[in-house]
Amino acid sequence: MKKLYISLIAIFALIIGIFTPLVSAPMIGQISYFSDAQGGALFIFMLALISLILTINKYFKHLAITALSALAFNIYTFIQLKESAGENVELLVYEYGWIFLILGSLLLLIAALKK
């Protein structure tokens, strides 16, 4: 598959991941980057926008920076959610939003590293 298509699918997955639920918990409901209002949605959207600009200009090697940034931010968010739950961590249910975010990050990395 061409780098262009891989990177466009990855960007689309990242944008979908912003709006899909990341965790759900009793009494709180579902939380996504968008509903959290902590700036995570904006950060991931900006990385997706930068990736789109890099893709349009065919700077595929530079996609590694945005891919690793998105992956690091998602891992950081995952750890923060787990730590903030404290002793109630077993009540957290990780939702399908992580699939889109991790898949998008990894596909961007694949597009960057593909020869």
PDB file of N, CA and C in Angstrom:
ATOM      1  N   MET A   1       0.847  -1.180   0.000  1.00  0.00           N
ATOM      2  CA  MET A   1       0.000   0.000   0.000  1.00  0.00           C
ATOM      3  C   MET A   1       0.894   1.246   0.000  1.00  0.00           C
ATOM      4  N   LYS A   2       0.489   2.245  -0.707  1.00  0.00           N
ATOM      5  CA  LYS A   2       1.298   3.448  -0.817  1.00  0.00           C
ATOM      6  C   LYS A   2       1.340   4.231   0.490  1.00  0.00           C
ATOM      7  N   LYS A   3       2.440   4.939   0.681  1.00  0.00           N
ATOM      8  CA  LYS A   3       2.611   5.758   1.886  1.00  0.00           C
ATOM      9  C   LYS A   3       1.496   6.789   2.030  1.00  0.00           C
ATOM     10  N   LEU A   4       1.073   7.336   0.914  1.00  0.00           N
ATOM     11  CA  LEU A   4       0.030   8.359   0.935  1.00  0.00           C
ATOM     12  C   LEU A   4      -1.257   7.810   1.544  1.00  0.00           C
ATOM     13  N   TYR A   5      -1.673   6.643   1.091  1.00  0.00           N
ATOM     14  CA  TYR A   5      -2.918   6.054   1.595  1.00  0.00           C
ATOM     15  C   TYR A   5      -2.801   5.639   3.055  1.00  0.00           C
ATOM     16  N   ILE A   6      -1.645   5.089   3.417  1.00  0.00           N
ATOM     17  CA  ILE A   6      -1.433   4.693   4.809  1.00  0.00           C
ATOM     18  C   ILE A   6      -1.515   5.907   5.723  1.00  0.00           C
ATOM     19  N   SER A   7      -0.866   6.987   5.328  1.00  0.00           N
ATOM     20  CA  SER A   7      -0.868   8.174   6.184  1.00  0.00           C
ATOM     21  C   SER A   7      -2.250   8.829   6.240  1.00  0.00           C
ATOM     22  N   LEU A   8      -2.989   8.817   5.148  1.00  0.00           N
ATOM     23  CA  LEU A   8      -4.341   9.389   5.171  1.00  0.00           C
ATOM     24  C   LEU A   8      -5.288   8.563   6.055  1.00  0.00           C
ATOM     25  N   ILE A   9      -5.154   7.246   6.003  1.00  0.00           N
ATOM     26  CA  ILE A   9      -5.952   6.389   6.886  1.00  0.00           C
ATOM     27  C   ILE A   9      -5.582   6.649   8.342  1.00  0.00           C
ATOM     28  N   ALA A  10      -4.291   6.815   8.606  1.00  0.00           N
ATOM     29  CA  ALA A  10      -3.818   7.085   9.968  1.00  0.00           C
ATOM     30  C   ALA A  10      -4.360   8.409  10.491  1.00  0.00           C
ATOM     31  N   ILE A  11      -4.340   9.430   9.664  1.00  0.00           N
ATOM     32  CA  ILE A  11      -4.854  10.749  10.069  1.00  0.00           C
ATOM     33  C   ILE A  11      -6.351  10.653  10.363  1.00  0.00           C
ATOM     34  N   PHE A  12      -7.068   9.952   9.517  1.00  0.00           N
ATOM     35  CA  PHE A  12      -8.505   9.762   9.722  1.00  0.00           C
ATOM     36  C   PHE A  12      -8.761   9.018  11.033  1.00  0.00           C
ATOM     37  N   ALA A  13      -7.963   7.992  11.320  1.00  0.00           N
ATOM     38  CA  ALA A  13      -8.118   7.222  12.564  1.00  0.00           C
ATOM     39  C   ALA A  13      -7.847   8.096  13.782  1.00  0.00           C
ATOM     40  N   LEU A  14      -6.838   8.957  13.712  1.00  0.00           N
ATOM     41  CA  LEU A  14      -6.548   9.848  14.835  1.00  0.00           C
ATOM     42  C   LEU A  14      -7.708  10.805  15.098  1.00  0.00           C
ATOM     43  N   ILE A  15      -8.273  11.342  14.029  1.00  0.00           N
ATOM     44  CA  ILE A  15      -9.384  12.287  14.199  1.00  0.00           C
ATOM     45  C   ILE A  15     -10.614  11.577  14.758  1.00  0.00           C
ATOM     46  N   ILE A  16     -10.882  10.374  14.303  1.00  0.00           N
ATOM     47  CA  ILE A  16     -11.999   9.605  14.866  1.00  0.00           C
ATOM     48  C   ILE A  16     -11.738   9.313  16.343  1.00  0.00           C
ATOM     49  N   GLY A  17     -10.487   8.985  16.665  1.00  0.00           N
ATOM     50  CA  GLY A  17     -10.122   8.667  18.042  1.00  0.00           C
ATOM     51  C   GLY A  17     -10.352   9.799  19.023  1.00  0.00           C
ATOM     52  N   ILE A  18     -10.328  11.035  18.554  1.00  0.00           N
ATOM     53  CA  ILE A  18     -10.582  12.190  19.421  1.00  0.00           C
ATOM     54  C   ILE A  18     -11.999  12.134  19.981  1.00  0.00           C
ATOM     55  N   PHE A  19     -12.950  11.706  19.165  1.00  0.00           N
ATOM     56  CA  PHE A  19     -14.360  11.768  19.536  1.00  0.00           C
ATOM     57  C   PHE A  19     -14.913  10.471  20.131  1.00  0.00           C
ATOM     58  N   THR A  20     -14.169   9.388  20.034  1.00  0.00           N
ATOM     59  CA  THR A  20     -14.655   8.117  20.563  1.00  0.00           C
ATOM     60  C   THR A  20     -14.280   7.980  22.038  1.00  0.00           C
ATOM     61  N   PRO A  21     -15.072   7.221  22.799  1.00  0.00           N
ATOM     62  CA  PRO A  21     -14.796   7.108  24.240  1.00  0.00           C
ATOM     63  C   PRO A  21     -13.497   6.359  24.530  1.00  0.00           C
ATOM     64  N   LEU A  22     -12.748   6.884  25.500  1.00  0.00           N
ATOM     65  CA  LEU A  22     -11.506   6.243  25.929  1.00  0.00           C
ATOM     66  C   LEU A  22     -11.743   5.347  27.129  1.00  0.00           C
ATOM     67  N   VAL A  23     -12.479   5.863  28.096  1.00  0.00           N
ATOM     68  CA  VAL A  23     -12.819   5.077  29.289  1.00  0.00           C
ATOM     69  C   VAL A  23     -14.257   5.367  29.672  1.00  0.00           C
ATOM     70  N   SER A  24     -14.817   4.434  30.410  1.00  0.00           N
ATOM     71  CA  SER A  24     -16.108   4.683  31.029  1.00  0.00           C
ATOM     72  C   SER A  24     -16.030   4.162  32.455  1.00  0.00           C
ATOM     73  N   ALA A  25     -16.776   4.807  33.313  1.00  0.00           N
ATOM     74  CA  ALA A  25     -16.795   4.430  34.718  1.00  0.00           C
ATOM     75  C   ALA A  25     -18.180   4.734  35.273  1.00  0.00           C
ATOM     76  N   PRO A  26     -18.596   3.973  36.275  1.00  0.00           N
ATOM     77  CA  PRO A  26     -19.886   4.270  36.892  1.00  0.00           C
ATOM     78  C   PRO A  26     -19.878   5.671  37.506  1.00  0.00           C
ATOM     79  N   MET A  27     -20.985   6.325  37.461  1.00  0.00           N
ATOM     80  CA  MET A  27     -21.185   7.670  38.024  1.00  0.00           C
ATOM     81  C   MET A  27     -20.528   8.773  37.187  1.00  0.00           C
ATOM     82  N   ILE A  28     -19.590   8.412  36.310  1.00  0.00           N
ATOM     83  CA  ILE A  28     -18.910   9.419  35.490  1.00  0.00           C
ATOM     84  C   ILE A  28     -19.393   9.347  34.053  1.00  0.00           C
ATOM     85  N   GLY A  29     -19.566   8.146  33.561  1.00  0.00           N
ATOM     86  CA  GLY A  29     -19.954   7.952  32.171  1.00  0.00           C
ATOM     87  C   GLY A  29     -18.734   7.760  31.298  1.00  0.00           C
ATOM     88  N   GLN A  30     -18.882   8.097  30.029  1.00  0.00           N
ATOM     89  CA  GLN A  30     -17.795   7.921  29.072  1.00  0.00           C
ATOM     90  C   GLN A  30     -16.968   9.196  28.960  1.00  0.00           C
ATOM     91  N   ILE A  31     -15.662   8.998  28.838  1.00  0.00           N
ATOM     92  CA  ILE A  31     -14.746  10.127  28.690  1.00  0.00           C
ATOM     93  C   ILE A  31     -13.963   9.937  27.397  1.00  0.00           C
ATOM     94  N   SER A  32     -13.924  10.985  26.585  1.00  0.00           N
ATOM     95  CA  SER A  32     -13.102  11.001  25.378  1.00  0.00           C
ATOM     96  C   SER A  32     -12.176  12.212  25.471  1.00  0.00           C
ATOM     97  N   TYR A  33     -11.232  12.317  24.541  1.00  0.00           N
ATOM     98  CA  TYR A  33     -10.385  13.510  24.509  1.00  0.00           C
ATOM     99  C   TYR A  33     -11.245  14.756  24.328  1.00  0.00           C
ATOM    100  N   PHE A  34     -12.277  14.640  23.499  1.00  0.00           N
ATOM    101  CA  PHE A  34     -13.123  15.793  23.202  1.00  0.00           C
ATOM    102  C   PHE A  34     -13.946  16.220  24.412  1.00  0.00           C
ATOM    103  N   SER A  35     -14.511  15.258  25.130  1.00  0.00           N
ATOM    104  CA  SER A  35     -15.362  15.600  26.277  1.00  0.00           C
ATOM    105  C   SER A  35     -14.569  15.955  27.521  1.00  0.00           C
ATOM    106  N   ASP A  36     -13.288  15.637  27.531  1.00  0.00           N
ATOM    107  CA  ASP A  36     -12.447  15.876  28.702  1.00  0.00           C
ATOM    108  C   ASP A  36     -12.131  17.354  28.900  1.00  0.00           C
ATOM    109  N   ALA A  37     -12.056  18.118  27.841  1.00  0.00           N
ATOM    110  CA  ALA A  37     -11.790  19.567  27.861  1.00  0.00           C
ATOM    111  C   ALA A  37     -10.478  19.919  28.554  1.00  0.00           C
ATOM    112  N   GLN A  38      -9.490  19.049  28.438  1.00  0.00           N
ATOM    113  CA  GLN A  38      -8.173  19.321  29.010  1.00  0.00           C
ATOM    114  C   GLN A  38      -7.152  19.686  27.922  1.00  0.00           C
ATOM    115  N   GLY A  39      -7.559  19.749  26.695  1.00  0.00           N
ATOM    116  CA  GLY A  39      -6.658  20.104  25.610  1.00  0.00           C
ATOM    117  C   GLY A  39      -6.124  18.913  24.831  1.00  0.00           C
ATOM    118  N   GLY A  40      -6.463  17.706  25.245  1.00  0.00           N
ATOM    119  CA  GLY A  40      -5.989  16.519  24.543  1.00  0.00           C
ATOM    120  C   GLY A  40      -6.509  16.437  23.126  1.00  0.00           C
ATOM    121  N   ALA A  41      -7.759  16.806  22.947  1.00  0.00           N
ATOM    122  CA  ALA A  41      -8.359  16.774  21.609  1.00  0.00           C
ATOM    123  C   ALA A  41      -7.643  17.750  20.683  1.00  0.00           C
ATOM    124  N   LEU A  42      -7.341  18.922  21.179  1.00  0.00           N
ATOM    125  CA  LEU A  42      -6.659  19.924  20.361  1.00  0.00           C
ATOM    126  C   LEU A  42      -5.252  19.462  19.999  1.00  0.00           C
ATOM    127  N   PHE A  43      -4.561  18.866  20.959  1.00  0.00           N
ATOM    128  CA  PHE A  43      -3.200  18.396  20.700  1.00  0.00           C
ATOM    129  C   PHE A  43      -3.191  17.311  19.626  1.00  0.00           C
ATOM    130  N   ILE A  44      -4.059  16.318  19.757  1.00  0.00           N
ATOM    131  CA  ILE A  44      -4.117  15.240  18.768  1.00  0.00           C
ATOM    132  C   ILE A  44      -4.575  15.784  17.415  1.00  0.00           C
ATOM    133  N   PHE A  45      -5.534  16.719  17.422  1.00  0.00           N
ATOM    134  CA  PHE A  45      -5.998  17.309  16.158  1.00  0.00           C
ATOM    135  C   PHE A  45      -4.871  18.083  15.482  1.00  0.00           C
ATOM    136  N   MET A  46      -4.090  18.817  16.255  1.00  0.00           N
ATOM    137  CA  MET A  46      -2.966  19.562  15.669  1.00  0.00           C
ATOM    138  C   MET A  46      -1.917  18.602  15.086  1.00  0.00           C
ATOM    139  N   LEU A  47      -1.657  17.497  15.778  1.00  0.00           N
ATOM    140  CA  LEU A  47      -0.734  16.495  15.227  1.00  0.00           C
ATOM    141  C   LEU A  47      -1.280  15.908  13.931  1.00  0.00           C
ATOM    142  N   ALA A  48      -2.583  15.657  13.882  1.00  0.00           N
ATOM    143  CA  ALA A  48      -3.201  15.140  12.658  1.00  0.00           C
ATOM    144  C   ALA A  48      -3.119  16.170  11.532  1.00  0.00           C
ATOM    145  N   LEU A  49      -3.338  17.432  11.853  1.00  0.00           N
ATOM    146  CA  LEU A  49      -3.259  18.496  10.848  1.00  0.00           C
ATOM    147  C   LEU A  49      -1.826  18.653  10.323  1.00  0.00           C
ATOM    148  N   ILE A  50      -0.854  18.617  11.215  1.00  0.00           N
ATOM    149  CA  ILE A  50       0.548  18.691  10.793  1.00  0.00           C
ATOM    150  C   ILE A  50       0.886  17.482   9.924  1.00  0.00           C
ATOM    151  N   SER A  51       0.384  16.310  10.310  1.00  0.00           N
ATOM    152  CA  SER A  51       0.619  15.099   9.514  1.00  0.00           C
ATOM    153  C   SER A  51      -0.003  15.222   8.132  1.00  0.00           C
ATOM    154  N   LEU A  52      -1.180  15.832   8.046  1.00  0.00           N
ATOM    155  CA  LEU A  52      -1.828  16.033   6.752  1.00  0.00           C
ATOM    156  C   LEU A  52      -1.002  16.964   5.873  1.00  0.00           C
ATOM    157  N   ILE A  53      -0.495  18.027   6.450  1.00  0.00           N
ATOM    158  CA  ILE A  53       0.348  18.964   5.698  1.00  0.00           C
ATOM    159  C   ILE A  53       1.621  18.268   5.218  1.00  0.00           C
ATOM    160  N   LEU A  54       2.237  17.472   6.095  1.00  0.00           N
ATOM    161  CA  LEU A  54       3.435  16.730   5.705  1.00  0.00           C
ATOM    162  C   LEU A  54       3.128  15.723   4.597  1.00  0.00           C
ATOM    163  N   THR A  55       1.971  15.087   4.691  1.00  0.00           N
ATOM    164  CA  THR A  55       1.572  14.103   3.676  1.00  0.00           C
ATOM    165  C   THR A  55       1.325  14.773   2.334  1.00  0.00           C
ATOM    166  N   ILE A  56       0.627  15.888   2.338  1.00  0.00           N
ATOM    167  CA  ILE A  56       0.344  16.607   1.091  1.00  0.00           C
ATOM    168  C   ILE A  56       1.641  17.046   0.420  1.00  0.00           C
ATOM    169  N   ASN A  57       2.603  17.489   1.231  1.00  0.00           N
ATOM    170  CA  ASN A  57       3.891  17.937   0.694  1.00  0.00           C
ATOM    171  C   ASN A  57       4.886  16.796   0.496  1.00  0.00           C
ATOM    172  N   LYS A  58       4.446  15.564   0.762  1.00  0.00           N
ATOM    173  CA  LYS A  58       5.246  14.348   0.576  1.00  0.00           C
ATOM    174  C   LYS A  58       6.522  14.328   1.418  1.00  0.00           C
ATOM    175  N   TYR A  59       6.445  14.845   2.637  1.00  0.00           N
ATOM    176  CA  TYR A  59       7.532  14.750   3.608  1.00  0.00           C
ATOM    177  C   TYR A  59       7.238  13.582   4.545  1.00  0.00           C
ATOM    178  N   PHE A  60       7.246  12.387   3.989  1.00  0.00           N
ATOM    179  CA  PHE A  60       6.810  11.216   4.740  1.00  0.00           C
ATOM    180  C   PHE A  60       7.737  10.877   5.902  1.00  0.00           C
ATOM    181  N   LYS A  61       9.029  11.109   5.752  1.00  0.00           N
ATOM    182  CA  LYS A  61       9.973  10.783   6.827  1.00  0.00           C
ATOM    183  C   LYS A  61       9.679  11.591   8.093  1.00  0.00           C
ATOM    184  N   HIS A  62       9.175  12.804   7.944  1.00  0.00           N
ATOM    185  CA  HIS A  62       8.889  13.663   9.090  1.00  0.00           C
ATOM    186  C   HIS A  62       7.629  13.211   9.850  1.00  0.00           C
ATOM    187  N   LEU A  63       6.878  12.305   9.254  1.00  0.00           N
ATOM    188  CA  LEU A  63       5.696  11.781   9.938  1.00  0.00           C
ATOM    189  C   LEU A  63       6.078  11.002  11.192  1.00  0.00           C
ATOM    190  N   ALA A  64       7.326  10.547  11.258  1.00  0.00           N
ATOM    191  CA  ALA A  64       7.775   9.818  12.449  1.00  0.00           C
ATOM    192  C   ALA A  64       7.678  10.702  13.694  1.00  0.00           C
ATOM    193  N   ILE A  65       7.925  11.985  13.541  1.00  0.00           N
ATOM    194  CA  ILE A  65       7.860  12.910  14.685  1.00  0.00           C
ATOM    195  C   ILE A  65       6.428  13.021  15.197  1.00  0.00           C
ATOM    196  N   THR A  66       5.477  13.214  14.287  1.00  0.00           N
ATOM    197  CA  THR A  66       4.085  13.336  14.721  1.00  0.00           C
ATOM    198  C   THR A  66       3.553  11.997  15.231  1.00  0.00           C
ATOM    199  N   ALA A  67       3.992  10.909  14.620  1.00  0.00           N
ATOM    200  CA  ALA A  67       3.547   9.583  15.060  1.00  0.00           C
ATOM    201  C   ALA A  67       4.028   9.285  16.469  1.00  0.00           C
ATOM    202  N   LEU A  68       5.298   9.528  16.730  1.00  0.00           N
ATOM    203  CA  LEU A  68       5.840   9.264  18.066  1.00  0.00           C
ATOM    204  C   LEU A  68       5.266  10.221  19.103  1.00  0.00           C
ATOM    205  N   SER A  69       4.989  11.453  18.692  1.00  0.00           N
ATOM    206  CA  SER A  69       4.360  12.409  19.608  1.00  0.00           C
ATOM    207  C   SER A  69       2.966  11.956  19.996  1.00  0.00           C
ATOM    208  N   ALA A  70       2.185  11.518  19.016  1.00  0.00           N
ATOM    209  CA  ALA A  70       0.829  11.038  19.295  1.00  0.00           C
ATOM    210  C   ALA A  70       0.867   9.779  20.161  1.00  0.00           C
ATOM    211  N   LEU A  71       1.785   8.878  19.855  1.00  0.00           N
ATOM    212  CA  LEU A  71       1.899   7.650  20.627  1.00  0.00           C
ATOM    213  C   LEU A  71       2.303   7.951  22.070  1.00  0.00           C
ATOM    214  N   ALA A  72       3.275   8.838  22.253  1.00  0.00           N
ATOM    215  CA  ALA A  72       3.712   9.211  23.597  1.00  0.00           C
ATOM    216  C   ALA A  72       2.593   9.890  24.374  1.00  0.00           C
ATOM    217  N   PHE A  73       1.844  10.759  23.721  1.00  0.00           N
ATOM    218  CA  PHE A  73       0.746  11.452  24.396  1.00  0.00           C
ATOM    219  C   PHE A  73      -0.359  10.482  24.803  1.00  0.00           C
ATOM    220  N   ASN A  74      -0.639   9.506  23.945  1.00  0.00           N
ATOM    221  CA  ASN A  74      -1.659   8.506  24.276  1.00  0.00           C
ATOM    222  C   ASN A  74      -1.219   7.627  25.439  1.00  0.00           C
ATOM    223  N   ILE A  75       0.037   7.246  25.460  1.00  0.00           N
ATOM    224  CA  ILE A  75       0.548   6.446  26.576  1.00  0.00           C
ATOM    225  C   ILE A  75       0.505   7.260  27.868  1.00  0.00           C
ATOM    226  N   TYR A  76       0.896   8.530  27.787  1.00  0.00           N
ATOM    227  CA  TYR A  76       0.840   9.407  28.951  1.00  0.00           C
ATOM    228  C   TYR A  76      -0.594   9.533  29.475  1.00  0.00           C
ATOM    229  N   THR A  77      -1.546   9.720  28.584  1.00  0.00           N
ATOM    230  CA  THR A  77      -2.951   9.833  28.983  1.00  0.00           C
ATOM    231  C   THR A  77      -3.442   8.540  29.625  1.00  0.00           C
ATOM    232  N   PHE A  78      -3.061   7.408  29.057  1.00  0.00           N
ATOM    233  CA  PHE A  78      -3.455   6.113  29.602  1.00  0.00           C
ATOM    234  C   PHE A  78      -2.948   5.961  31.042  1.00  0.00           C
ATOM    235  N   ILE A  79      -1.690   6.310  31.254  1.00  0.00           N
ATOM    236  CA  ILE A  79      -1.100   6.204  32.595  1.00  0.00           C
ATOM    237  C   ILE A  79      -1.765   7.181  33.553  1.00  0.00           C
ATOM    238  N   GLN A  80      -2.019   8.411  33.099  1.00  0.00           N
ATOM    239  CA  GLN A  80      -2.672   9.410  33.951  1.00  0.00           C
ATOM    240  C   GLN A  80      -4.077   8.969  34.358  1.00  0.00           C
ATOM    241  N   LEU A  81      -4.823   8.395  33.442  1.00  0.00           N
ATOM    242  CA  LEU A  81      -6.171   7.911  33.773  1.00  0.00           C
ATOM    243  C   LEU A  81      -6.110   6.803  34.814  1.00  0.00           C
ATOM    244  N   LYS A  82      -5.135   5.918  34.644  1.00  0.00           N
ATOM    245  CA  LYS A  82      -4.986   4.813  35.580  1.00  0.00           C
ATOM    246  C   LYS A  82      -4.593   5.323  36.969  1.00  0.00           C
ATOM    247  N   GLU A  83      -3.674   6.288  37.028  1.00  0.00           N
ATOM    248  CA  GLU A  83      -3.234   6.832  38.307  1.00  0.00           C
ATOM    249  C   GLU A  83      -4.309   7.675  38.976  1.00  0.00           C
ATOM    250  N   SER A  84      -5.057   8.417  38.205  1.00  0.00           N
ATOM    251  CA  SER A  84      -6.080   9.278  38.795  1.00  0.00           C
ATOM    252  C   SER A  84      -7.255   8.477  39.346  1.00  0.00           C
ATOM    253  N   ALA A  85      -7.436   7.261  38.826  1.00  0.00           N
ATOM    254  CA  ALA A  85      -8.509   6.415  39.346  1.00  0.00           C
ATOM    255  C   ALA A  85      -8.158   5.878  40.730  1.00  0.00           C
ATOM    256  N   GLY A  86      -6.869   5.797  41.013  1.00  0.00           N
ATOM    257  CA  GLY A  86      -6.425   5.334  42.333  1.00  0.00           C
ATOM    258  C   GLY A  86      -6.901   3.933  42.637  1.00  0.00           C
ATOM    259  N   GLU A  87      -7.548   3.785  43.783  1.00  0.00           N
ATOM    260  CA  GLU A  87      -8.001   2.459  44.201  1.00  0.00           C
ATOM    261  C   GLU A  87      -9.245   2.001  43.438  1.00  0.00           C
ATOM    262  N   ASN A  88      -9.858   2.906  42.687  1.00  0.00           N
ATOM    263  CA  ASN A  88     -11.041   2.560  41.891  1.00  0.00           C
ATOM    264  C   ASN A  88     -10.689   2.163  40.465  1.00  0.00           C
ATOM    265  N   VAL A  89      -9.432   1.840  40.225  1.00  0.00           N
ATOM    266  CA  VAL A  89      -8.977   1.529  38.872  1.00  0.00           C
ATOM    267  C   VAL A  89      -9.720   0.325  38.283  1.00  0.00           C
ATOM    268  N   GLU A  90     -10.166  -0.601  39.128  1.00  0.00           N
ATOM    269  CA  GLU A  90     -10.881  -1.771  38.605  1.00  0.00           C
ATOM    270  C   GLU A  90     -12.265  -1.409  38.079  1.00  0.00           C
ATOM    271  N   LEU A  91     -12.753  -0.216  38.406  1.00  0.00           N
ATOM    272  CA  LEU A  91     -14.049   0.228  37.893  1.00  0.00           C
ATOM    273  C   LEU A  91     -13.951   0.840  36.494  1.00  0.00           C
ATOM    274  N   LEU A  92     -12.733   1.226  36.088  1.00  0.00           N
ATOM    275  CA  LEU A  92     -12.543   1.803  34.762  1.00  0.00           C
ATOM    276  C   LEU A  92     -12.694   0.729  33.691  1.00  0.00           C
ATOM    277  N   VAL A  93     -13.407   1.074  32.647  1.00  0.00           N
ATOM    278  CA  VAL A  93     -13.537   0.196  31.493  1.00  0.00           C
ATOM    279  C   VAL A  93     -12.917   0.931  30.308  1.00  0.00           C
ATOM    280  N   TYR A  94     -11.848   0.371  29.772  1.00  0.00           N
ATOM    281  CA  TYR A  94     -11.196   0.998  28.623  1.00  0.00           C
ATOM    282  C   TYR A  94     -12.027   0.730  27.379  1.00  0.00           C
ATOM    283  N   GLU A  95     -12.339   1.795  26.656  1.00  0.00           N
ATOM    284  CA  GLU A  95     -13.240   1.714  25.514  1.00  0.00           C
ATOM    285  C   GLU A  95     -12.468   1.632  24.196  1.00  0.00           C
ATOM    286  N   TYR A  96     -13.205   1.598  23.102  1.00  0.00           N
ATOM    287  CA  TYR A  96     -12.641   1.379  21.774  1.00  0.00           C
ATOM    288  C   TYR A  96     -11.922   2.588  21.178  1.00  0.00           C
ATOM    289  N   GLY A  97     -11.980   3.737  21.811  1.00  0.00           N
ATOM    290  CA  GLY A  97     -11.273   4.916  21.301  1.00  0.00           C
ATOM    291  C   GLY A  97      -9.774   4.716  21.228  1.00  0.00           C
ATOM    292  N   TRP A  98      -9.244   3.905  22.146  1.00  0.00           N
ATOM    293  CA  TRP A  98      -7.804   3.631  22.147  1.00  0.00           C
ATOM    294  C   TRP A  98      -7.378   2.927  20.875  1.00  0.00           C
ATOM    295  N   ILE A  99      -8.244   2.101  20.327  1.00  0.00           N
ATOM    296  CA  ILE A  99      -7.895   1.370  19.103  1.00  0.00           C
ATOM    297  C   ILE A  99      -7.608   2.351  17.974  1.00  0.00           C
ATOM    298  N   PHE A 100      -8.489   3.339  17.804  1.00  0.00           N
ATOM    299  CA  PHE A 100      -8.286   4.329  16.736  1.00  0.00           C
ATOM    300  C   PHE A 100      -7.021   5.154  16.965  1.00  0.00           C
ATOM    301  N   LEU A 101      -6.790   5.559  18.207  1.00  0.00           N
ATOM    302  CA  LEU A 101      -5.636   6.408  18.505  1.00  0.00           C
ATOM    303  C   LEU A 101      -4.307   5.665  18.330  1.00  0.00           C
ATOM    304  N   ILE A 102      -4.226   4.459  18.841  1.00  0.00           N
ATOM    305  CA  ILE A 102      -2.992   3.681  18.719  1.00  0.00           C
ATOM    306  C   ILE A 102      -2.783   3.237  17.282  1.00  0.00           C
ATOM    307  N   LEU A 103      -3.855   2.793  16.628  1.00  0.00           N
ATOM    308  CA  LEU A 103      -3.753   2.386  15.230  1.00  0.00           C
ATOM    309  C   LEU A 103      -3.298   3.553  14.349  1.00  0.00           C
ATOM    310  N   GLY A 104      -3.885   4.732  14.572  1.00  0.00           N
ATOM    311  CA  GLY A 104      -3.482   5.913  13.807  1.00  0.00           C
ATOM    312  C   GLY A 104      -2.022   6.260  14.021  1.00  0.00           C
ATOM    313  N   SER A 105      -1.570   6.206  15.263  1.00  0.00           N
ATOM    314  CA  SER A 105      -0.167   6.512  15.566  1.00  0.00           C
ATOM    315  C   SER A 105       0.770   5.503  14.905  1.00  0.00           C
ATOM    316  N   LEU A 106       0.428   4.225  15.012  1.00  0.00           N
ATOM    317  CA  LEU A 106       1.293   3.193  14.425  1.00  0.00           C
ATOM    318  C   LEU A 106       1.299   3.240  12.900  1.00  0.00           C
ATOM    319  N   LEU A 107       0.150   3.515  12.297  1.00  0.00           N
ATOM    320  CA  LEU A 107       0.107   3.639  10.834  1.00  0.00           C
ATOM    321  C   LEU A 107       0.915   4.830  10.341  1.00  0.00           C
ATOM    322  N   LEU A 108       0.889   5.920  11.093  1.00  0.00           N
ATOM    323  CA  LEU A 108       1.741   7.061  10.724  1.00  0.00           C
ATOM    324  C   LEU A 108       3.205   6.686  10.791  1.00  0.00           C
ATOM    325  N   LEU A 109       3.571   5.930  11.803  1.00  0.00           N
ATOM    326  CA  LEU A 109       4.959   5.488  11.944  1.00  0.00           C
ATOM    327  C   LEU A 109       5.334   4.550  10.806  1.00  0.00           C
ATOM    328  N   ILE A 110       4.423   3.663  10.429  1.00  0.00           N
ATOM    329  CA  ILE A 110       4.691   2.769   9.298  1.00  0.00           C
ATOM    330  C   ILE A 110       4.868   3.555   8.003  1.00  0.00           C
ATOM    331  N   ALA A 111       4.023   4.562   7.786  1.00  0.00           N
ATOM    332  CA  ALA A 111       4.146   5.396   6.581  1.00  0.00           C
ATOM    333  C   ALA A 111       5.481   6.135   6.565  1.00  0.00           C
ATOM    334  N   ALA A 112       5.929   6.547   7.737  1.00  0.00           N
ATOM    335  CA  ALA A 112       7.207   7.271   7.811  1.00  0.00           C
ATOM    336  C   ALA A 112       8.399   6.361   7.542  1.00  0.00           C
ATOM    337  N   LEU A 113       8.315   5.132   8.000  1.00  0.00           N
ATOM    338  CA  LEU A 113       9.462   4.214   7.891  1.00  0.00           C
ATOM    339  C   LEU A 113       9.457   3.365   6.629  1.00  0.00           C
ATOM    340  N   LYS A 114       8.332   3.336   5.911  1.00  0.00           N
ATOM    341  CA  LYS A 114       8.218   2.522   4.711  1.00  0.00           C
ATOM    342  C   LYS A 114       9.102   3.082   3.604  1.00  0.00           C
ATOM    343  N   LYS A 115       9.771   2.193   2.915  1.00  0.00           N
ATOM    344  CA  LYS A 115      10.671   2.614   1.824  1.00  0.00           C
ATOM    345  C   LYS A 115       9.929   2.763   0.527  1.00  0.00           C
TER     346      LYS A 115
END
